């Protein structure tokens, strides 16, 4: 879990474009052939309080453990979170999520 400053001044997230801006800052400009699973954590005013780079997978998949993601959110005292999965550009396919409940 990284509480480091993503930006010099705190920003309040109001749109998905704001989230995309934060994620671009986290991922950087590197071209990656691997998939990354990153979680952003927010306080009650939708200000980012940190992020968690959960896993880096292979070309076609990555593994996410919901217990670790939720645990990191609880430790961060987050009120909300955004889950991001960067996809490799090896071909378009639909992401199928399965629920643990």
PDB file of N, CA and C in Angstrom:
ATOM      1  N   UNK A   1       0.851  -1.184   0.000  1.00  0.00           N
ATOM      2  CA  UNK A   1       0.000   0.000   0.000  1.00  0.00           C
ATOM      3  C   UNK A   1       0.880   1.224   0.000  1.00  0.00           C
ATOM      4  N   UNK A   2       0.654   2.141  -0.906  1.00  0.00           N
ATOM      5  CA  UNK A   2       1.465   3.331  -1.050  1.00  0.00           C
ATOM      6  C   UNK A   2       0.633   4.561  -0.722  1.00  0.00           C
ATOM      7  N   UNK A   3       1.018   5.245   0.342  1.00  0.00           N
ATOM      8  CA  UNK A   3       0.347   6.493   0.712  1.00  0.00           C
ATOM      9  C   UNK A   3       1.056   7.697   0.112  1.00  0.00           C
ATOM     10  N   UNK A   4       2.025   7.448  -0.740  1.00  0.00           N
ATOM     11  CA  UNK A   4       2.788   8.547  -1.335  1.00  0.00           C
ATOM     12  C   UNK A   4       1.905   9.505  -2.108  1.00  0.00           C
ATOM     13  N   UNK A   5       2.394  10.694  -2.261  1.00  0.00           N
ATOM     14  CA  UNK A   5       1.636  11.705  -2.971  1.00  0.00           C
ATOM     15  C   UNK A   5       1.633  11.384  -4.458  1.00  0.00           C
ATOM     16  N   UNK A   6       0.461  11.303  -5.023  1.00  0.00           N
ATOM     17  CA  UNK A   6       0.327  11.059  -6.446  1.00  0.00           C
ATOM     18  C   UNK A   6       0.491  12.372  -7.197  1.00  0.00           C
ATOM     19  N   UNK A   7      -0.041  13.442  -6.628  1.00  0.00           N
ATOM     20  CA  UNK A   7       0.096  14.771  -7.190  1.00  0.00           C
ATOM     21  C   UNK A   7       0.601  15.717  -6.117  1.00  0.00           C
ATOM     22  N   UNK A   8       1.135  16.862  -6.534  1.00  0.00           N
ATOM     23  CA  UNK A   8       1.672  17.828  -5.578  1.00  0.00           C
ATOM     24  C   UNK A   8       0.572  18.418  -4.700  1.00  0.00           C
ATOM     25  N   UNK A   9      -0.594  18.601  -5.279  1.00  0.00           N
ATOM     26  CA  UNK A   9      -1.716  19.134  -4.520  1.00  0.00           C
ATOM     27  C   UNK A   9      -2.850  18.111  -4.538  1.00  0.00           C
ATOM     28  N   UNK A  10      -3.585  17.995  -3.445  1.00  0.00           N
ATOM     29  CA  UNK A  10      -4.669  17.006  -3.427  1.00  0.00           C
ATOM     30  C   UNK A  10      -5.785  17.398  -4.394  1.00  0.00           C
ATOM     31  N   UNK A  11      -6.309  16.403  -5.093  1.00  0.00           N
ATOM     32  CA  UNK A  11      -7.417  16.663  -6.010  1.00  0.00           C
ATOM     33  C   UNK A  11      -8.620  15.860  -5.552  1.00  0.00           C
ATOM     34  N   UNK A  12      -9.780  16.382  -5.863  1.00  0.00           N
ATOM     35  CA  UNK A  12     -11.013  15.676  -5.547  1.00  0.00           C
ATOM     36  C   UNK A  12     -11.530  15.050  -6.838  1.00  0.00           C
ATOM     37  N   UNK A  13     -11.785  13.768  -6.801  1.00  0.00           N
ATOM     38  CA  UNK A  13     -12.250  13.044  -7.974  1.00  0.00           C
ATOM     39  C   UNK A  13     -13.741  13.282  -8.163  1.00  0.00           C
ATOM     40  N   UNK A  14     -14.090  13.772  -9.346  1.00  0.00           N
ATOM     41  CA  UNK A  14     -15.497  14.028  -9.647  1.00  0.00           C
ATOM     42  C   UNK A  14     -15.966  13.245 -10.866  1.00  0.00           C
ATOM     43  N   UNK A  15     -15.047  12.893 -11.763  1.00  0.00           N
ATOM     44  CA  UNK A  15     -15.422  12.180 -12.978  1.00  0.00           C
ATOM     45  C   UNK A  15     -14.457  11.032 -13.237  1.00  0.00           C
ATOM     46  N   UNK A  16     -14.819  10.188 -14.171  1.00  0.00           N
ATOM     47  CA  UNK A  16     -13.920   9.099 -14.545  1.00  0.00           C
ATOM     48  C   UNK A  16     -12.650   9.624 -15.201  1.00  0.00           C
ATOM     49  N   UNK A  17     -12.707  10.800 -15.796  1.00  0.00           N
ATOM     50  CA  UNK A  17     -11.505  11.404 -16.379  1.00  0.00           C
ATOM     51  C   UNK A  17     -10.486  11.731 -15.286  1.00  0.00           C
ATOM     52  N   UNK A  18     -10.963  12.116 -14.107  1.00  0.00           N
ATOM     53  CA  UNK A  18     -10.057  12.372 -12.985  1.00  0.00           C
ATOM     54  C   UNK A  18      -9.367  11.078 -12.544  1.00  0.00           C
ATOM     55  N   UNK A  19     -10.113   9.991 -12.528  1.00  0.00           N
ATOM     56  CA  UNK A  19      -9.532   8.692 -12.166  1.00  0.00           C
ATOM     57  C   UNK A  19      -8.505   8.275 -13.207  1.00  0.00           C
ATOM     58  N   UNK A  20      -8.814   8.473 -14.482  1.00  0.00           N
ATOM     59  CA  UNK A  20      -7.874   8.122 -15.557  1.00  0.00           C
ATOM     60  C   UNK A  20      -6.572   8.917 -15.423  1.00  0.00           C
ATOM     61  N   UNK A  21      -6.681  10.174 -15.033  1.00  0.00           N
ATOM     62  CA  UNK A  21      -5.494  11.014 -14.842  1.00  0.00           C
ATOM     63  C   UNK A  21      -4.615  10.461 -13.716  1.00  0.00           C
ATOM     64  N   UNK A  22      -5.235  10.031 -12.641  1.00  0.00           N
ATOM     65  CA  UNK A  22      -4.489   9.455 -11.511  1.00  0.00           C
ATOM     66  C   UNK A  22      -3.822   8.149 -11.933  1.00  0.00           C
ATOM     67  N   UNK A  23      -4.573   7.302 -12.634  1.00  0.00           N
ATOM     68  CA  UNK A  23      -4.014   6.016 -13.057  1.00  0.00           C
ATOM     69  C   UNK A  23      -2.861   6.186 -14.039  1.00  0.00           C
ATOM     70  N   UNK A  24      -2.946   7.169 -14.920  1.00  0.00           N
ATOM     71  CA  UNK A  24      -1.833   7.435 -15.840  1.00  0.00           C
ATOM     72  C   UNK A  24      -0.590   7.842 -15.073  1.00  0.00           C
ATOM     73  N   UNK A  25      -0.766   8.590 -13.986  1.00  0.00           N
ATOM     74  CA  UNK A  25       0.380   8.978 -13.165  1.00  0.00           C
ATOM     75  C   UNK A  25       0.983   7.765 -12.458  1.00  0.00           C
ATOM     76  N   UNK A  26       0.153   6.814 -12.060  1.00  0.00           N
ATOM     77  CA  UNK A  26       0.642   5.618 -11.378  1.00  0.00           C
ATOM     78  C   UNK A  26       1.330   4.673 -12.355  1.00  0.00           C
ATOM     79  N   UNK A  27       0.682   4.402 -13.482  1.00  0.00           N
ATOM     80  CA  UNK A  27       1.246   3.476 -14.456  1.00  0.00           C
ATOM     81  C   UNK A  27       2.456   4.060 -15.181  1.00  0.00           C
ATOM     82  N   UNK A  28       2.498   5.359 -15.328  1.00  0.00           N
ATOM     83  CA  UNK A  28       3.601   5.990 -16.039  1.00  0.00           C
ATOM     84  C   UNK A  28       3.433   5.862 -17.541  1.00  0.00           C
ATOM     85  N   UNK A  29       4.505   6.109 -18.235  1.00  0.00           N
ATOM     86  CA  UNK A  29       4.469   6.084 -19.697  1.00  0.00           C
ATOM     87  C   UNK A  29       5.035   4.803 -20.280  1.00  0.00           C
ATOM     88  N   UNK A  30       5.332   3.849 -19.436  1.00  0.00           N
ATOM     89  CA  UNK A  30       5.904   2.599 -19.914  1.00  0.00           C
ATOM     90  C   UNK A  30       4.877   1.806 -20.707  1.00  0.00           C
ATOM     91  N   UNK A  31       5.357   1.177 -21.768  1.00  0.00           N
ATOM     92  CA  UNK A  31       4.519   0.249 -22.511  1.00  0.00           C
ATOM     93  C   UNK A  31       4.750  -1.118 -21.898  1.00  0.00           C
ATOM     94  N   UNK A  32       3.692  -1.704 -21.421  1.00  0.00           N
ATOM     95  CA  UNK A  32       3.813  -2.974 -20.726  1.00  0.00           C
ATOM     96  C   UNK A  32       3.093  -4.069 -21.490  1.00  0.00           C
ATOM     97  N   UNK A  33       3.707  -5.235 -21.536  1.00  0.00           N
ATOM     98  CA  UNK A  33       3.049  -6.377 -22.156  1.00  0.00           C
ATOM     99  C   UNK A  33       2.407  -7.262 -21.096  1.00  0.00           C
ATOM    100  N   UNK A  34       2.564  -6.892 -19.827  1.00  0.00           N
ATOM    101  CA  UNK A  34       1.967  -7.643 -18.736  1.00  0.00           C
ATOM    102  C   UNK A  34       0.750  -6.894 -18.201  1.00  0.00           C
ATOM    103  N   UNK A  35      -0.174  -7.652 -17.637  1.00  0.00           N
ATOM    104  CA  UNK A  35      -1.353  -7.045 -17.040  1.00  0.00           C
ATOM    105  C   UNK A  35      -1.068  -6.665 -15.593  1.00  0.00           C
ATOM    106  N   UNK A  36      -1.620  -5.522 -15.168  1.00  0.00           N
ATOM    107  CA  UNK A  36      -1.427  -5.007 -13.810  1.00  0.00           C
ATOM    108  C   UNK A  36      -2.781  -4.827 -13.155  1.00  0.00           C
ATOM    109  N   UNK A  37      -2.855  -5.145 -11.866  1.00  0.00           N
ATOM    110  CA  UNK A  37      -4.070  -4.976 -11.081  1.00  0.00           C
ATOM    111  C   UNK A  37      -3.760  -3.953  -9.992  1.00  0.00           C
ATOM    112  N   UNK A  38      -4.347  -2.770 -10.100  1.00  0.00           N
ATOM    113  CA  UNK A  38      -4.075  -1.661  -9.180  1.00  0.00           C
ATOM    114  C   UNK A  38      -5.394  -1.201  -8.560  1.00  0.00           C
ATOM    115  N   UNK A  39      -5.356  -0.879  -7.276  1.00  0.00           N
ATOM    116  CA  UNK A  39      -6.535  -0.395  -6.567  1.00  0.00           C
ATOM    117  C   UNK A  39      -6.246   0.999  -6.028  1.00  0.00           C
ATOM    118  N   UNK A  40      -7.141   1.946  -6.291  1.00  0.00           N
ATOM    119  CA  UNK A  40      -7.052   3.297  -5.736  1.00  0.00           C
ATOM    120  C   UNK A  40      -7.980   3.382  -4.531  1.00  0.00           C
ATOM    121  N   UNK A  41      -7.507   4.029  -3.466  1.00  0.00           N
ATOM    122  CA  UNK A  41      -8.319   4.198  -2.262  1.00  0.00           C
ATOM    123  C   UNK A  41      -8.632   5.678  -2.059  1.00  0.00           C
ATOM    124  N   UNK A  42      -9.874   5.949  -1.638  1.00  0.00           N
ATOM    125  CA  UNK A  42     -10.347   7.325  -1.475  1.00  0.00           C
ATOM    126  C   UNK A  42     -10.950   7.519  -0.094  1.00  0.00           C
ATOM    127  N   UNK A  43     -10.898   8.775   0.395  1.00  0.00           N
ATOM    128  CA  UNK A  43     -11.575   9.108   1.647  1.00  0.00           C
ATOM    129  C   UNK A  43     -13.012   9.530   1.331  1.00  0.00           C
ATOM    130  N   UNK A  44     -13.709  10.031   2.328  1.00  0.00           N
ATOM    131  CA  UNK A  44     -15.128  10.360   2.151  1.00  0.00           C
ATOM    132  C   UNK A  44     -15.371  11.517   1.198  1.00  0.00           C
ATOM    133  N   UNK A  45     -14.355  12.357   0.981  1.00  0.00           N
ATOM    134  CA  UNK A  45     -14.519  13.484   0.063  1.00  0.00           C
ATOM    135  C   UNK A  45     -13.987  13.169  -1.335  1.00  0.00           C
ATOM    136  N   UNK A  46     -13.776  11.888  -1.636  1.00  0.00           N
ATOM    137  CA  UNK A  46     -13.260  11.423  -2.922  1.00  0.00           C
ATOM    138  C   UNK A  46     -11.882  11.966  -3.259  1.00  0.00           C
ATOM    139  N   UNK A  47     -11.083  12.181  -2.226  1.00  0.00           N
ATOM    140  CA  UNK A  47      -9.686  12.557  -2.407  1.00  0.00           C
ATOM    141  C   UNK A  47      -8.846  11.287  -2.286  1.00  0.00           C
ATOM    142  N   UNK A  48      -7.962  11.025  -3.254  1.00  0.00           N
ATOM    143  CA  UNK A  48      -7.161   9.804  -3.174  1.00  0.00           C
ATOM    144  C   UNK A  48      -6.263   9.803  -1.944  1.00  0.00           C
ATOM    145  N   UNK A  49      -6.265   8.680  -1.217  1.00  0.00           N
ATOM    146  CA  UNK A  49      -5.393   8.568  -0.046  1.00  0.00           C
ATOM    147  C   UNK A  49      -4.253   7.599  -0.294  1.00  0.00           C
ATOM    148  N   UNK A  50      -4.301   6.892  -1.411  1.00  0.00           N
ATOM    149  CA  UNK A  50      -3.212   5.986  -1.739  1.00  0.00           C
ATOM    150  C   UNK A  50      -3.625   4.969  -2.783  1.00  0.00           C
ATOM    151  N   UNK A  51      -2.675   4.115  -3.133  1.00  0.00           N
ATOM    152  CA  UNK A  51      -2.955   3.066  -4.095  1.00  0.00           C
ATOM    153  C   UNK A  51      -2.199   1.808  -3.710  1.00  0.00           C
ATOM    154  N   UNK A  52      -2.638   0.694  -4.274  1.00  0.00           N
ATOM    155  CA  UNK A  52      -2.071  -0.607  -3.971  1.00  0.00           C
ATOM    156  C   UNK A  52      -1.867  -1.363  -5.279  1.00  0.00           C
ATOM    157  N   UNK A  53      -0.612  -1.609  -5.640  1.00  0.00           N
ATOM    158  CA  UNK A  53      -0.309  -2.428  -6.811  1.00  0.00           C
ATOM    159  C   UNK A  53      -0.390  -3.877  -6.369  1.00  0.00           C
ATOM    160  N   UNK A  54      -1.529  -4.487  -6.640  1.00  0.00           N
ATOM    161  CA  UNK A  54      -1.815  -5.815  -6.100  1.00  0.00           C
ATOM    162  C   UNK A  54      -1.050  -6.913  -6.825  1.00  0.00           C
ATOM    163  N   UNK A  55      -1.121  -6.937  -8.144  1.00  0.00           N
ATOM    164  CA  UNK A  55      -0.440  -8.018  -8.849  1.00  0.00           C
ATOM    165  C   UNK A  55      -0.043  -7.606 -10.257  1.00  0.00           C
ATOM    166  N   UNK A  56       0.985  -8.271 -10.741  1.00  0.00           N
ATOM    167  CA  UNK A  56       1.421  -8.147 -12.127  1.00  0.00           C
ATOM    168  C   UNK A  56       1.416  -9.559 -12.689  1.00  0.00           C
ATOM    169  N   UNK A  57       0.665  -9.739 -13.741  1.00  0.00           N
ATOM    170  CA  UNK A  57       0.501 -11.074 -14.301  1.00  0.00           C
ATOM    171  C   UNK A  57       1.310 -11.286 -15.557  1.00  0.00           C
ATOM    172  N   UNK A  58       0.790 -12.121 -16.396  1.00  0.00           N
ATOM    173  CA  UNK A  58       1.443 -12.434 -17.654  1.00  0.00           C
ATOM    174  C   UNK A  58       0.827 -11.644 -18.790  1.00  0.00           C
ATOM    175  N   UNK A  59       0.930 -12.192 -19.968  1.00  0.00           N
ATOM    176  CA  UNK A  59       0.414 -11.516 -21.156  1.00  0.00           C
ATOM    177  C   UNK A  59      -1.111 -11.557 -21.190  1.00  0.00           C
ATOM    178  N   UNK A  60      -1.691 -12.645 -20.735  1.00  0.00           N
ATOM    179  CA  UNK A  60      -3.130 -12.833 -20.888  1.00  0.00           C
ATOM    180  C   UNK A  60      -3.929 -12.770 -19.596  1.00  0.00           C
ATOM    181  N   UNK A  61      -3.281 -12.763 -18.435  1.00  0.00           N
ATOM    182  CA  UNK A  61      -4.074 -12.778 -17.211  1.00  0.00           C
ATOM    183  C   UNK A  61      -3.240 -12.344 -16.012  1.00  0.00           C
ATOM    184  N   UNK A  62      -3.939 -12.031 -14.946  1.00  0.00           N
ATOM    185  CA  UNK A  62      -3.321 -11.781 -13.650  1.00  0.00           C
ATOM    186  C   UNK A  62      -4.283 -12.302 -12.580  1.00  0.00           C
ATOM    187  N   UNK A  63      -3.757 -12.588 -11.432  1.00  0.00           N
ATOM    188  CA  UNK A  63      -4.553 -13.143 -10.342  1.00  0.00           C
ATOM    189  C   UNK A  63      -4.796 -12.058  -9.294  1.00  0.00           C
ATOM    190  N   UNK A  64      -6.022 -11.982  -8.806  1.00  0.00           N
ATOM    191  CA  UNK A  64      -6.356 -11.028  -7.747  1.00  0.00           C
ATOM    192  C   UNK A  64      -6.987 -11.780  -6.585  1.00  0.00           C
ATOM    193  N   UNK A  65      -6.532 -11.489  -5.394  1.00  0.00           N
ATOM    194  CA  UNK A  65      -7.092 -12.090  -4.186  1.00  0.00           C
ATOM    195  C   UNK A  65      -7.924 -11.029  -3.485  1.00  0.00           C
ATOM    196  N   UNK A  66      -9.241 -11.220  -3.487  1.00  0.00           N
ATOM    197  CA  UNK A  66     -10.153 -10.220  -2.934  1.00  0.00           C
ATOM    198  C   UNK A  66      -9.887  -9.969  -1.459  1.00  0.00           C
ATOM    199  N   UNK A  67      -9.417 -10.975  -0.729  1.00  0.00           N
ATOM    200  CA  UNK A  67      -9.138 -10.793   0.704  1.00  0.00           C
ATOM    201  C   UNK A  67      -8.003  -9.801   0.918  1.00  0.00           C
ATOM    202  N   UNK A  68      -6.983  -9.851   0.072  1.00  0.00           N
ATOM    203  CA  UNK A  68      -5.871  -8.910   0.205  1.00  0.00           C
ATOM    204  C   UNK A  68      -6.285  -7.497  -0.197  1.00  0.00           C
ATOM    205  N   UNK A  69      -7.101  -7.389  -1.239  1.00  0.00           N
ATOM    206  CA  UNK A  69      -7.559  -6.070  -1.694  1.00  0.00           C
ATOM    207  C   UNK A  69      -8.423  -5.411  -0.623  1.00  0.00           C
ATOM    208  N   UNK A  70      -9.389  -6.146  -0.075  1.00  0.00           N
ATOM    209  CA  UNK A  70     -10.258  -5.601   0.973  1.00  0.00           C
ATOM    210  C   UNK A  70      -9.451  -5.299   2.226  1.00  0.00           C
ATOM    211  N   UNK A  71      -8.506  -6.164   2.564  1.00  0.00           N
ATOM    212  CA  UNK A  71      -7.647  -5.932   3.728  1.00  0.00           C
ATOM    213  C   UNK A  71      -6.838  -4.651   3.600  1.00  0.00           C
ATOM    214  N   UNK A  72      -6.309  -4.391   2.408  1.00  0.00           N
ATOM    215  CA  UNK A  72      -5.551  -3.150   2.193  1.00  0.00           C
ATOM    216  C   UNK A  72      -6.471  -1.941   2.324  1.00  0.00           C
ATOM    217  N   UNK A  73      -7.707  -2.056   1.833  1.00  0.00           N
ATOM    218  CA  UNK A  73      -8.657  -0.948   1.967  1.00  0.00           C
ATOM    219  C   UNK A  73      -9.020  -0.663   3.407  1.00  0.00           C
ATOM    220  N   UNK A  74      -9.158  -1.714   4.207  1.00  0.00           N
ATOM    221  CA  UNK A  74      -9.465  -1.530   5.626  1.00  0.00           C
ATOM    222  C   UNK A  74      -8.287  -0.892   6.343  1.00  0.00           C
ATOM    223  N   UNK A  75      -7.078  -1.351   6.052  1.00  0.00           N
ATOM    224  CA  UNK A  75      -5.889  -0.767   6.683  1.00  0.00           C
ATOM    225  C   UNK A  75      -5.705   0.698   6.310  1.00  0.00           C
ATOM    226  N   UNK A  76      -6.122   1.059   5.096  1.00  0.00           N
ATOM    227  CA  UNK A  76      -5.997   2.447   4.639  1.00  0.00           C
ATOM    228  C   UNK A  76      -7.119   3.334   5.167  1.00  0.00           C
ATOM    229  N   UNK A  77      -8.112   2.718   5.828  1.00  0.00           N
ATOM    230  CA  UNK A  77      -9.299   3.436   6.293  1.00  0.00           C
ATOM    231  C   UNK A  77     -10.020   4.112   5.127  1.00  0.00           C
ATOM    232  N   UNK A  78     -10.081   3.399   4.010  1.00  0.00           N
ATOM    233  CA  UNK A  78     -10.694   3.941   2.803  1.00  0.00           C
ATOM    234  C   UNK A  78     -12.211   3.865   2.878  1.00  0.00           C
ATOM    235  N   UNK A  79     -12.857   4.882   2.341  1.00  0.00           N
ATOM    236  CA  UNK A  79     -14.315   4.887   2.246  1.00  0.00           C
ATOM    237  C   UNK A  79     -14.782   4.321   0.920  1.00  0.00           C
ATOM    238  N   UNK A  80     -13.922   4.408  -0.096  1.00  0.00           N
ATOM    239  CA  UNK A  80     -14.265   3.850  -1.401  1.00  0.00           C
ATOM    240  C   UNK A  80     -12.990   3.466  -2.133  1.00  0.00           C
ATOM    241  N   UNK A  81     -13.166   2.685  -3.203  1.00  0.00           N
ATOM    242  CA  UNK A  81     -12.009   2.268  -3.981  1.00  0.00           C
ATOM    243  C   UNK A  81     -12.399   2.106  -5.442  1.00  0.00           C
ATOM    244  N   UNK A  82     -11.381   2.224  -6.295  1.00  0.00           N
ATOM    245  CA  UNK A  82     -11.528   1.981  -7.720  1.00  0.00           C
ATOM    246  C   UNK A  82     -10.532   0.894  -8.078  1.00  0.00           C
ATOM    247  N   UNK A  83     -11.021  -0.145  -8.744  1.00  0.00           N
ATOM    248  CA  UNK A  83     -10.163  -1.252  -9.165  1.00  0.00           C
ATOM    249  C   UNK A  83      -9.811  -1.053 -10.633  1.00  0.00           C
ATOM    250  N   UNK A  84      -8.517  -1.155 -10.930  1.00  0.00           N
ATOM    251  CA  UNK A  84      -8.042  -0.939 -12.288  1.00  0.00           C
ATOM    252  C   UNK A  84      -7.271  -2.166 -12.757  1.00  0.00           C
ATOM    253  N   UNK A  85      -7.586  -2.597 -13.951  1.00  0.00           N
ATOM    254  CA  UNK A  85      -6.860  -3.703 -14.574  1.00  0.00           C
ATOM    255  C   UNK A  85      -6.339  -3.212 -15.904  1.00  0.00           C
ATOM    256  N   UNK A  86      -5.018  -3.060 -16.012  1.00  0.00           N
ATOM    257  CA  UNK A  86      -4.459  -2.652 -17.293  1.00  0.00           C
ATOM    258  C   UNK A  86      -4.366  -3.884 -18.168  1.00  0.00           C
ATOM    259  N   UNK A  87      -4.814  -3.773 -19.363  1.00  0.00           N
ATOM    260  CA  UNK A  87      -4.834  -4.899 -20.284  1.00  0.00           C
ATOM    261  C   UNK A  87      -3.693  -4.776 -21.279  1.00  0.00           C
ATOM    262  N   UNK A  88      -3.100  -5.895 -21.611  1.00  0.00           N
ATOM    263  CA  UNK A  88      -2.118  -5.888 -22.677  1.00  0.00           C
ATOM    264  C   UNK A  88      -2.874  -5.735 -23.992  1.00  0.00           C
ATOM    265  N   UNK A  89      -2.202  -5.273 -24.991  1.00  0.00           N
ATOM    266  CA  UNK A  89      -2.858  -4.995 -26.264  1.00  0.00           C
ATOM    267  C   UNK A  89      -2.681  -6.155 -27.237  1.00  0.00           C
ATOM    268  N   UNK A  90      -2.673  -7.363 -26.716  1.00  0.00           N
ATOM    269  CA  UNK A  90      -2.467  -8.530 -27.562  1.00  0.00           C
ATOM    270  C   UNK A  90      -3.749  -8.997 -28.240  1.00  0.00           C
ATOM    271  N   UNK A  91      -4.808  -8.284 -28.046  1.00  0.00           N
ATOM    272  CA  UNK A  91      -6.082  -8.655 -28.678  1.00  0.00           C
ATOM    273  C   UNK A  91      -7.231  -8.284 -27.769  1.00  0.00           C
ATOM    274  N   UNK A  92      -8.344  -7.953 -28.368  1.00  0.00           N
ATOM    275  CA  UNK A  92      -9.507  -7.557 -27.579  1.00  0.00           C
ATOM    276  C   UNK A  92     -10.272  -8.786 -27.139  1.00  0.00           C
ATOM    277  N   UNK A  93     -10.611  -8.818 -25.881  1.00  0.00           N
ATOM    278  CA  UNK A  93     -11.468  -9.873 -25.367  1.00  0.00           C
ATOM    279  C   UNK A  93     -12.239  -9.327 -24.171  1.00  0.00           C
ATOM    280  N   UNK A  94     -13.304  -9.953 -23.840  1.00  0.00           N
ATOM    281  CA  UNK A  94     -14.176  -9.480 -22.766  1.00  0.00           C
ATOM    282  C   UNK A  94     -13.657 -10.023 -21.440  1.00  0.00           C
ATOM    283  N   UNK A  95     -13.599  -9.155 -20.456  1.00  0.00           N
ATOM    284  CA  UNK A  95     -13.171  -9.543 -19.115  1.00  0.00           C
ATOM    285  C   UNK A  95     -14.375 -10.124 -18.381  1.00  0.00           C
ATOM    286  N   UNK A  96     -14.228 -11.332 -17.885  1.00  0.00           N
ATOM    287  CA  UNK A  96     -15.290 -11.964 -17.120  1.00  0.00           C
ATOM    288  C   UNK A  96     -14.901 -11.970 -15.652  1.00  0.00           C
ATOM    289  N   UNK A  97     -15.701 -11.314 -14.833  1.00  0.00           N
ATOM    290  CA  UNK A  97     -15.461 -11.266 -13.397  1.00  0.00           C
ATOM    291  C   UNK A  97     -16.373 -12.266 -12.723  1.00  0.00           C
ATOM    292  N   UNK A  98     -15.824 -12.975 -11.769  1.00  0.00           N
ATOM    293  CA  UNK A  98     -16.693 -13.867 -11.004  1.00  0.00           C
ATOM    294  C   UNK A  98     -16.684 -13.424  -9.554  1.00  0.00           C
ATOM    295  N   UNK A  99     -17.813 -13.493  -8.972  1.00  0.00           N
ATOM    296  CA  UNK A  99     -17.981 -13.031  -7.608  1.00  0.00           C
ATOM    297  C   UNK A  99     -17.606 -14.144  -6.633  1.00  0.00           C
ATOM    298  N   UNK A 100     -17.036 -13.730  -5.499  1.00  0.00           N
ATOM    299  CA  UNK A 100     -16.688 -14.690  -4.463  1.00  0.00           C
ATOM    300  C   UNK A 100     -17.886 -14.993  -3.568  1.00  0.00           C
ATOM    301  N   UNK A 101     -18.988 -14.264  -3.758  1.00  0.00           N
ATOM    302  CA  UNK A 101     -20.165 -14.462  -2.911  1.00  0.00           C
ATOM    303  C   UNK A 101     -21.202 -15.270  -3.618  1.00  0.00           C
TER     304      UNK A 101
END
